[in-house]
Amino acid sequence: MSARRFGMVALAGLVGAVVAPSAAHAEDFVLQAGTVVTADGDVLVDGGSVFVSGGVVKEIKPGLVNPWGAEVRSHGDAWLLPGMVEAHSQGGLERANETAPNTPFVSVLDGLDPLSPYFENLLRDGVTTVFVVPGDATLIGGQGLVLKPIGRTAEEMIVRRGAGLKIALSPRSGTSRMAQLAELRRSLRGARTAEGRQVVDDPDATARSPRAEALTALLAGTLPAVMACNEPVDVANALRVMEEFGLSGFLSLGTAARRALPEIAKRGVPCVLAADLEPVESNPETGREVRRFLAKECVDAGVPLVIQANEASPYGMRSLWYQAAVAVSQGLTREQALRGVTVNPARLLGVDERVGSITAGKDANLVVWTGDPLDPASWVDHVYIEGELVYERAKDRKLKRLLDGISLGRPGDDD
């Protein structure tokens, strides 16, 4: 097999996609490209062929071959990669944060807009899986969902329910860090006590309040905790609470929490880096400003790299390909950076058996790039989700208007 590891350093790609309606799986077909990046470690540089059947990757072979006798969809010198995985987002929601501070029973399903332009932009950026979760201005903010960015309804978009319960360790407005932690412990202890009493009093009872049901799942480890930590002290508190109550899950870090990366590595708890991978910190004593390189610090600390984007950013860090390119500019290999937006976040979210790499048995979530995805001249050309072609750059009218300088025109115009 002609394969190699990534080595060279590059900058960023560009965007281009539009959502197509979800449909039944296409017939069996072979997808061919000049370079195939599996994200499992190998890169087929002399061409690769991926056999897709029933929406699933069945086999990958080096070279432009077709031993399966299926329809061939050839993309010449293009690059074929797995769809990227966005590990932490509030995109597609009417509002990012909950106004009520303690709502473990709330789900983003209730506020999700499948027609949001956010999901179109994900496809333009080569993202085929996203974890949408409530924001951090809360205590227990509600439950998130792992989604695919296509579907007529929110239900059709779901990849995994109950993928995480947002818990904020940093104090919300009007309270203190001590009060935040005290209220969190009170809620968890109350749920644990109530659960034990229910089992003793009526072990056959199935009816529970939505609040109790959510917190019981959290305590049982079937609902992961997503612990939002802005400062190193929040990380210490989160790890303490997770150990005290036996919680599983991961941390979502603010920029200042980077200083806790060695302790995170020691504990073996996964985390998502802050979207700003190169924050500037000011020394409180000297006033001297220092730029930090979060992706490199993460890898150097021995923590699996998981990168998120910032959907509120108008450009740059709003795109995962850009974030991966920033990581490469910090000295990471291309393989490390791309794993930080594919395999690693899929594993973090508990969906790596389905997405995150081009592997036999996984969903055929495949993205065809016009060239190296970390080259600023490359674009997303085609996107497949579960074997269905859901985006073609040539049919992206919004992108065409942008690039050609064509005005939006009147409703109903085709141009």
Protein backbone atom coordinates (compact mmCIF):
# COMPACT_ATOMS: atom_id res chain seq x y z
CA MET A 1 0.00 0.00 0.00
CA SER A 2 1.44 3.38 -0.97
CA ALA A 3 0.98 5.38 2.20
CA ARG A 4 2.77 7.90 4.32
CA ARG A 5 2.34 10.00 7.40
CA PHE A 6 1.68 13.74 7.24
CA GLY A 7 4.77 15.84 7.66
CA MET A 8 4.82 19.21 5.98
CA VAL A 9 3.44 22.42 7.46
CA ALA A 10 0.69 24.33 5.65
CA LEU A 11 -1.77 27.13 6.19
CA ALA A 12 -5.57 27.09 5.84
CA GLY A 13 -8.27 26.09 3.34
CA LEU A 14 -11.43 27.87 2.22
CA VAL A 15 -15.17 27.09 2.17
CA GLY A 16 -18.04 26.23 -0.17
CA ALA A 17 -21.35 24.18 0.35
CA VAL A 18 -25.14 24.06 0.38
CA VAL A 19 -27.56 21.73 2.12
CA ALA A 20 -29.43 19.22 0.02
CA PRO A 21 -32.51 17.41 1.30
CA SER A 22 -31.99 14.15 3.15
CA ALA A 23 -32.89 11.14 1.02
CA ALA A 24 -32.63 7.36 0.90
CA HIS A 25 -29.18 5.83 0.54
CA ALA A 26 -27.75 5.85 -2.95
CA GLU A 27 -26.79 2.70 -4.80
CA ASP A 28 -23.41 1.11 -4.24
CA PHE A 29 -20.60 3.25 -5.64
CA VAL A 30 -16.84 3.73 -5.59
CA LEU A 31 -15.39 7.11 -4.70
CA GLN A 32 -11.93 7.75 -6.16
CA ALA A 33 -9.50 10.57 -5.45
CA GLY A 34 -5.84 11.32 -6.04
CA THR A 35 -5.13 11.49 -2.29
CA VAL A 36 -7.15 9.71 0.40
CA VAL A 37 -6.67 10.68 4.05
CA THR A 38 -8.27 8.06 6.27
CA ALA A 39 -7.48 9.87 9.57
CA ASP A 40 -6.60 6.43 10.94
CA GLY A 41 -2.95 7.09 10.15
CA ASP A 42 -2.54 6.33 6.45
CA VAL A 43 -2.55 8.71 3.50
CA LEU A 44 -2.89 7.14 0.06
CA VAL A 45 -0.85 9.51 -2.06
CA ASP A 46 -0.98 7.54 -5.32
CA GLY A 47 -4.74 7.48 -5.43
CA GLY A 48 -7.33 5.64 -3.39
CA SER A 49 -10.71 4.01 -3.93
CA VAL A 50 -13.45 3.81 -1.30
CA PHE A 51 -16.33 1.38 -1.76
CA VAL A 52 -19.62 2.64 -0.28
CA SER A 53 -22.67 0.43 0.15
CA GLY A 54 -25.86 1.13 2.09
CA GLY A 55 -24.46 4.40 3.38
CA VAL A 56 -21.46 2.68 4.97
CA VAL A 57 -17.80 2.41 3.99
CA LYS A 58 -17.20 -1.21 3.03
CA GLU A 59 -13.57 -1.21 1.91
CA ILE A 60 -10.64 1.08 1.06
CA LYS A 61 -8.00 0.17 -1.51
CA PRO A 62 -4.91 1.99 -2.78
CA GLY A 63 -4.92 3.09 -6.39
CA LEU A 64 -7.75 3.96 -8.73
CA VAL A 65 -9.34 0.52 -8.89
CA ASN A 66 -12.79 -1.01 -8.91
CA PRO A 67 -12.80 -4.68 -7.93
CA TRP A 68 -16.38 -4.33 -6.70
CA GLY A 69 -18.03 -3.66 -10.09
CA ALA A 70 -19.95 -0.65 -8.80
CA GLU A 71 -20.52 2.85 -10.22
CA VAL A 72 -17.29 4.88 -10.15
CA ARG A 73 -17.31 8.52 -9.08
CA SER A 74 -13.84 9.78 -9.88
CA HIS A 75 -12.50 13.11 -8.62
CA GLY A 76 -9.10 13.14 -10.29
CA ASP A 77 -6.41 14.84 -8.24
CA ALA A 78 -8.80 15.86 -5.46
CA TRP A 79 -8.33 14.96 -1.79
CA LEU A 80 -10.81 12.72 0.01
CA LEU A 81 -11.14 13.04 3.80
CA PRO A 82 -13.60 11.98 6.48
CA GLY A 83 -16.11 14.63 7.47
CA MET A 84 -14.84 16.79 10.30
CA VAL A 85 -16.43 16.63 13.75
CA GLU A 86 -17.30 19.80 15.68
CA ALA A 87 -17.02 18.87 19.37
CA HIS A 88 -18.74 21.84 21.04
CA SER A 89 -21.16 24.37 19.60
CA GLN A 90 -24.28 26.45 20.25
CA GLY A 91 -24.90 26.90 16.52
CA GLY A 92 -28.42 26.40 15.21
CA LEU A 93 -30.03 27.46 18.51
CA GLU A 94 -32.26 30.47 18.97
CA ARG A 95 -30.29 31.37 22.10
CA ALA A 96 -27.00 29.92 23.31
CA ASN A 97 -27.60 30.00 27.08
CA GLU A 98 -30.46 29.05 29.37
CA THR A 99 -32.02 31.84 31.42
CA ALA A 100 -32.98 29.35 34.14
CA PRO A 101 -29.86 28.25 36.06
CA ASN A 102 -30.75 24.65 36.85
CA THR A 103 -32.51 22.82 34.03
CA PRO A 104 -31.04 19.32 33.55
CA PHE A 105 -34.22 18.18 31.79
CA VAL A 106 -33.97 20.76 28.97
CA SER A 107 -32.73 19.54 25.58
CA VAL A 108 -31.38 21.58 22.69
CA LEU A 109 -33.85 19.60 20.58
CA ASP A 110 -36.52 22.05 21.75
CA GLY A 111 -34.67 25.09 20.40
CA LEU A 112 -32.95 23.68 17.32
CA ASP A 113 -33.66 25.22 13.92
CA PRO A 114 -32.85 22.74 11.11
CA LEU A 115 -33.08 25.60 8.59
CA SER A 116 -30.43 27.68 10.33
CA PRO A 117 -27.68 28.92 7.97
CA TYR A 118 -25.24 27.53 10.51
CA PHE A 119 -25.79 24.01 9.21
CA GLU A 120 -25.22 25.16 5.62
CA ASN A 121 -21.94 26.70 6.70
CA LEU A 122 -20.86 23.45 8.35
CA LEU A 123 -21.16 21.65 5.03
CA ARG A 124 -19.27 24.44 3.29
CA ASP A 125 -16.47 23.81 5.76
CA GLY A 126 -16.47 20.01 5.41
CA VAL A 127 -18.10 19.32 8.80
CA THR A 128 -20.53 16.38 8.85
CA THR A 129 -21.02 15.88 12.60
CA VAL A 130 -21.61 18.49 15.33
CA PHE A 131 -22.30 18.43 19.07
CA VAL A 132 -24.79 21.19 19.91
CA VAL A 133 -25.08 21.87 23.64
CA PRO A 134 -26.38 24.73 25.84
CA GLY A 135 -24.00 27.56 26.70
CA ASP A 136 -22.08 28.29 29.88
CA ALA A 137 -24.02 31.15 31.53
CA THR A 138 -25.87 28.74 33.77
CA LEU A 139 -25.35 26.00 36.38
CA ILE A 140 -26.87 22.85 34.87
CA GLY A 141 -27.89 24.16 31.48
CA GLY A 142 -29.42 21.18 29.72
CA GLN A 143 -28.64 18.30 27.39
CA GLY A 144 -26.85 18.37 24.05
CA LEU A 145 -27.22 16.29 20.90
CA VAL A 146 -24.74 14.97 18.36
CA LEU A 147 -26.18 15.90 14.97
CA LYS A 148 -25.58 15.63 11.25
CA PRO A 149 -26.13 19.01 9.55
CA ILE A 150 -28.91 17.80 7.26
CA GLY A 151 -32.54 16.88 7.79
CA ARG A 152 -36.04 18.27 7.37
CA THR A 153 -36.67 18.10 11.11
CA ALA A 154 -34.47 18.21 14.18
CA GLU A 155 -35.31 14.56 14.87
CA GLU A 156 -33.91 13.52 11.49
CA MET A 157 -30.60 15.16 12.31
CA ILE A 158 -29.88 13.20 15.50
CA VAL A 159 -26.82 10.95 15.61
CA ARG A 160 -26.75 10.52 19.39
CA ARG A 161 -29.24 11.59 22.04
CA GLY A 162 -28.17 12.41 25.57
CA ALA A 163 -24.64 13.10 24.41
CA GLY A 164 -23.83 15.43 27.28
CA LEU A 165 -25.26 17.59 30.08
CA LYS A 166 -23.75 21.08 30.33
CA ILE A 167 -22.51 21.95 33.82
CA ALA A 168 -20.81 25.31 34.37
CA LEU A 169 -18.18 25.61 37.09
CA SER A 170 -17.53 29.31 36.54
CA PRO A 171 -19.96 31.52 38.48
CA ARG A 172 -22.89 32.91 36.55
CA SER A 173 -23.82 36.57 36.81
CA GLY A 174 -24.76 37.66 40.30
CA THR A 175 -23.21 34.75 42.17
CA SER A 176 -19.82 33.51 43.33
CA ARG A 177 -17.67 30.51 42.50
CA MET A 178 -18.28 29.09 45.99
CA ALA A 179 -22.05 29.52 45.67
CA GLN A 180 -21.99 27.95 42.19
CA LEU A 181 -20.19 24.88 43.48
CA ALA A 182 -22.38 24.62 46.57
CA GLU A 183 -25.56 24.69 44.50
CA LEU A 184 -24.18 22.07 42.12
CA ARG A 185 -23.31 19.73 44.99
CA ARG A 186 -26.71 20.28 46.55
CA SER A 187 -28.44 19.26 43.31
CA LEU A 188 -26.30 16.15 42.84
CA ARG A 189 -26.57 15.02 46.44
CA GLY A 190 -30.31 15.55 46.39
CA ALA A 191 -30.63 13.48 43.23
CA ARG A 192 -28.47 10.69 44.67
CA THR A 193 -30.47 10.59 47.90
CA ALA A 194 -33.80 10.67 46.10
CA GLU A 195 -32.71 7.85 43.78
CA GLY A 196 -31.66 5.65 46.68
CA ARG A 197 -34.92 6.31 48.50
CA GLN A 198 -36.97 5.49 45.40
CA VAL A 199 -35.24 2.14 44.91
CA VAL A 200 -35.94 1.16 48.52
CA ASP A 201 -39.53 2.41 48.63
CA ASP A 202 -40.69 1.25 45.22
CA PRO A 203 -38.12 -0.64 43.12
CA ASP A 204 -40.68 -1.30 40.36
CA ALA A 205 -41.66 2.35 39.89
CA THR A 206 -40.80 3.71 36.44
CA ALA A 207 -42.35 7.17 36.64
CA ARG A 208 -39.85 9.90 37.50
CA SER A 209 -39.78 13.64 37.14
CA PRO A 210 -37.78 14.85 34.14
CA ARG A 211 -35.30 16.53 36.49
CA ALA A 212 -34.75 13.37 38.52
CA GLU A 213 -34.48 11.25 35.38
CA ALA A 214 -31.75 13.47 33.90
CA LEU A 215 -29.71 13.68 37.09
CA THR A 216 -30.10 9.94 37.71
CA ALA A 217 -28.69 9.26 34.23
CA LEU A 218 -25.83 11.66 35.00
CA LEU A 219 -25.02 9.88 38.27
CA ALA A 220 -25.32 6.47 36.60
CA GLY A 221 -22.78 7.47 33.94
CA THR A 222 -25.18 7.06 31.01
CA LEU A 223 -25.41 10.84 30.48
CA PRO A 224 -21.93 12.41 30.20
CA ALA A 225 -21.13 15.64 31.99
CA VAL A 226 -19.81 18.53 29.91
CA MET A 227 -17.94 20.59 32.50
CA ALA A 228 -17.38 24.19 31.37
CA CYS A 229 -14.20 25.57 32.98
CA ASN A 230 -12.95 29.09 32.37
CA GLU A 231 -10.12 29.12 34.92
CA PRO A 232 -7.67 26.56 36.34
CA VAL A 233 -9.60 26.59 39.63
CA ASP A 234 -12.71 25.55 37.68
CA VAL A 235 -10.80 22.58 36.29
CA ALA A 236 -9.75 21.55 39.80
CA ASN A 237 -13.35 21.86 41.03
CA ALA A 238 -14.71 19.95 38.02
CA LEU A 239 -12.28 17.06 38.52
CA ARG A 240 -13.14 16.97 42.23
CA VAL A 241 -16.89 16.87 41.55
CA MET A 242 -16.50 14.20 38.86
CA GLU A 243 -14.54 12.01 41.26
CA GLU A 244 -16.88 12.67 44.20
CA PHE A 245 -20.03 11.74 42.29
CA GLY A 246 -18.56 9.24 39.83
CA LEU A 247 -19.40 11.33 36.78
CA SER A 248 -18.12 10.54 33.29
CA GLY A 249 -17.69 13.10 30.55
CA PHE A 250 -15.25 15.78 29.47
CA LEU A 251 -14.14 19.35 30.09
CA SER A 252 -14.75 22.39 27.90
CA LEU A 253 -11.89 24.80 28.53
CA GLY A 254 -11.65 28.57 28.48
CA THR A 255 -8.35 30.09 27.39
CA ALA A 256 -7.02 30.63 30.93
CA ALA A 257 -7.73 26.99 31.81
CA ARG A 258 -4.78 26.02 29.60
CA ARG A 259 -2.64 26.21 32.74
CA ALA A 260 -4.43 23.12 34.06
CA LEU A 261 -3.49 20.93 31.06
CA PRO A 262 -0.80 18.97 33.01
CA GLU A 263 -3.34 18.07 35.70
CA ILE A 264 -5.91 17.13 33.05
CA ALA A 265 -3.35 14.81 31.47
CA LYS A 266 -2.55 13.29 34.86
CA ARG A 267 -6.22 12.54 35.50
CA GLY A 268 -6.84 11.23 32.00
CA VAL A 269 -10.02 13.27 31.54
CA PRO A 270 -10.64 14.38 27.92
CA CYS A 271 -11.20 18.03 27.08
CA VAL A 272 -12.03 20.46 24.29
CA LEU A 273 -9.68 23.40 23.83
CA ALA A 274 -10.93 26.97 23.74
CA ALA A 275 -11.72 28.26 20.26
CA ASP A 276 -9.01 30.93 20.49
CA LEU A 277 -5.93 28.78 19.99
CA GLU A 278 -3.54 31.73 20.24
CA PRO A 279 -4.71 33.95 23.10
CA VAL A 280 -2.62 36.88 24.30
CA GLU A 281 -2.09 36.99 28.05
CA SER A 282 -0.85 39.97 30.04
CA ASN A 283 1.51 39.50 32.97
CA PRO A 284 -0.24 41.17 35.96
CA GLU A 285 3.09 42.32 37.42
CA THR A 286 4.99 43.52 34.35
CA GLY A 287 2.13 44.20 31.94
CA ARG A 288 4.09 42.30 29.27
CA GLU A 289 1.89 40.53 26.74
CA VAL A 290 2.64 36.94 25.76
CA ARG A 291 0.99 34.91 23.02
CA ARG A 292 0.12 31.34 24.00
CA PHE A 293 -0.14 28.36 21.64
CA LEU A 294 -2.88 26.13 23.01
CA ALA A 295 -2.73 23.29 20.50
CA LYS A 296 1.00 22.78 21.05
CA GLU A 297 0.63 23.07 24.83
CA CYS A 298 -2.13 20.45 24.71
CA VAL A 299 -0.06 17.94 22.76
CA ASP A 300 3.07 18.66 24.80
CA ALA A 301 1.10 17.97 27.99
CA GLY A 302 0.01 14.58 26.65
CA VAL A 303 -3.69 15.47 26.31
CA PRO A 304 -5.49 14.19 23.17
CA LEU A 305 -6.07 17.20 20.95
CA VAL A 306 -9.72 18.18 20.36
CA ILE A 307 -10.27 21.49 18.57
CA GLN A 308 -13.47 23.49 18.39
CA ALA A 309 -14.48 26.39 16.18
CA ASN A 310 -16.28 29.60 17.11
CA GLU A 311 -19.47 29.92 15.10
CA ALA A 312 -19.83 33.56 16.20
CA SER A 313 -16.60 34.54 14.46
CA PRO A 314 -17.17 36.11 11.01
CA TYR A 315 -14.16 34.30 9.52
CA GLY A 316 -11.03 32.40 10.50
CA MET A 317 -11.70 30.53 13.72
CA ARG A 318 -15.34 29.90 12.78
CA SER A 319 -14.05 27.03 10.60
CA LEU A 320 -12.48 23.79 11.79
CA TRP A 321 -10.13 23.57 8.79
CA TYR A 322 -8.73 26.97 9.78
CA GLN A 323 -8.29 25.84 13.38
CA ALA A 324 -6.45 22.73 12.21
CA ALA A 325 -4.18 24.92 10.08
CA VAL A 326 -3.44 27.14 13.10
CA ALA A 327 -2.46 24.01 15.04
CA VAL A 328 -0.03 23.07 12.26
CA SER A 329 1.46 26.58 12.34
CA GLN A 330 2.19 25.98 16.04
CA GLY A 331 4.42 23.04 15.18
CA LEU A 332 2.02 20.10 15.14
CA THR A 333 2.07 17.62 12.29
CA ARG A 334 -0.78 17.69 9.82
CA GLU A 335 -1.83 14.28 11.06
CA GLN A 336 -2.07 15.50 14.66
CA ALA A 337 -4.08 18.55 13.63
CA LEU A 338 -6.51 16.63 11.45
CA ARG A 339 -7.04 14.01 14.15
CA GLY A 340 -7.99 16.93 16.40
CA VAL A 341 -10.99 17.66 14.16
CA THR A 342 -11.92 14.08 13.18
CA VAL A 343 -11.04 10.97 15.19
CA ASN A 344 -10.39 12.60 18.56
CA PRO A 345 -13.64 14.59 18.84
CA ALA A 346 -15.62 11.59 17.58
CA ARG A 347 -14.12 9.51 20.39
CA LEU A 348 -14.79 12.28 22.93
CA LEU A 349 -18.46 12.36 21.93
CA GLY A 350 -18.86 8.58 21.94
CA VAL A 351 -19.64 8.32 18.23
CA ASP A 352 -16.27 7.07 16.94
CA GLU A 353 -17.80 3.73 15.99
CA ARG A 354 -19.74 5.66 13.31
CA VAL A 355 -17.76 8.76 12.30
CA GLY A 356 -14.34 10.40 12.45
CA SER A 357 -12.36 8.34 9.95
CA ILE A 358 -12.65 6.53 6.64
CA THR A 359 -12.85 3.05 8.07
CA ALA A 360 -14.71 -0.06 6.95
CA GLY A 361 -17.99 -0.29 8.85
CA LYS A 362 -18.31 3.43 9.61
CA ASP A 363 -20.81 5.85 8.09
CA ALA A 364 -19.77 7.08 4.65
CA ASN A 365 -19.35 10.69 5.80
CA LEU A 366 -16.87 11.77 3.15
CA VAL A 367 -15.64 15.15 1.94
CA VAL A 368 -14.00 15.78 -1.41
CA TRP A 369 -11.62 18.75 -1.37
CA THR A 370 -10.22 20.33 -4.52
CA GLY A 371 -6.75 19.96 -2.99
CA ASP A 372 -4.91 19.83 0.31
CA PRO A 373 -7.51 20.94 2.91
CA LEU A 374 -4.84 23.02 4.69
CA ASP A 375 -3.98 24.91 1.52
CA PRO A 376 -5.72 28.32 1.21
CA ALA A 377 -6.46 27.59 -2.44
CA SER A 378 -8.51 24.44 -1.66
CA TRP A 379 -12.29 24.23 -1.43
CA VAL A 380 -14.85 21.69 -0.31
CA ASP A 381 -16.21 20.31 -3.58
CA HIS A 382 -18.58 17.47 -2.56
CA VAL A 383 -19.94 16.25 0.76
CA TYR A 384 -21.44 12.83 1.43
CA ILE A 385 -23.31 11.97 4.63
CA GLU A 386 -24.17 8.31 5.15
CA GLY A 387 -23.43 7.75 1.49
CA GLU A 388 -25.80 10.44 0.26
CA LEU A 389 -24.46 13.36 -1.77
CA VAL A 390 -25.72 16.37 0.23
CA TYR A 391 -23.58 19.16 -1.18
CA GLU A 392 -22.00 20.13 -4.51
CA ARG A 393 -20.00 23.32 -4.75
CA ALA A 394 -21.03 23.78 -8.39
CA LYS A 395 -24.67 24.06 -7.25
CA ASP A 396 -23.99 26.41 -4.34
CA ARG A 397 -25.83 29.54 -5.48
CA LYS A 398 -24.95 31.55 -2.37
CA LEU A 399 -21.27 30.87 -2.91
CA LYS A 400 -21.55 31.67 -6.60
CA ARG A 401 -23.10 35.06 -5.83
CA LEU A 402 -20.34 35.79 -3.34
CA LEU A 403 -17.50 34.85 -5.68
CA ASP A 404 -19.00 36.41 -8.80
CA GLY A 405 -20.17 39.56 -7.06
CA ILE A 406 -23.81 38.93 -8.09
CA SER A 407 -26.46 40.65 -5.96
CA LEU A 408 -29.10 38.55 -4.23
CA GLY A 409 -31.76 39.73 -6.66
CA ARG A 410 -35.49 39.30 -6.24
CA PRO A 411 -37.13 36.27 -4.59
CA GLY A 412 -37.50 33.53 -7.16
CA ASP A 413 -34.53 34.59 -9.27
CA ASP A 414 -32.44 31.63 -10.42
CA ASP A 415 -29.23 33.58 -10.90
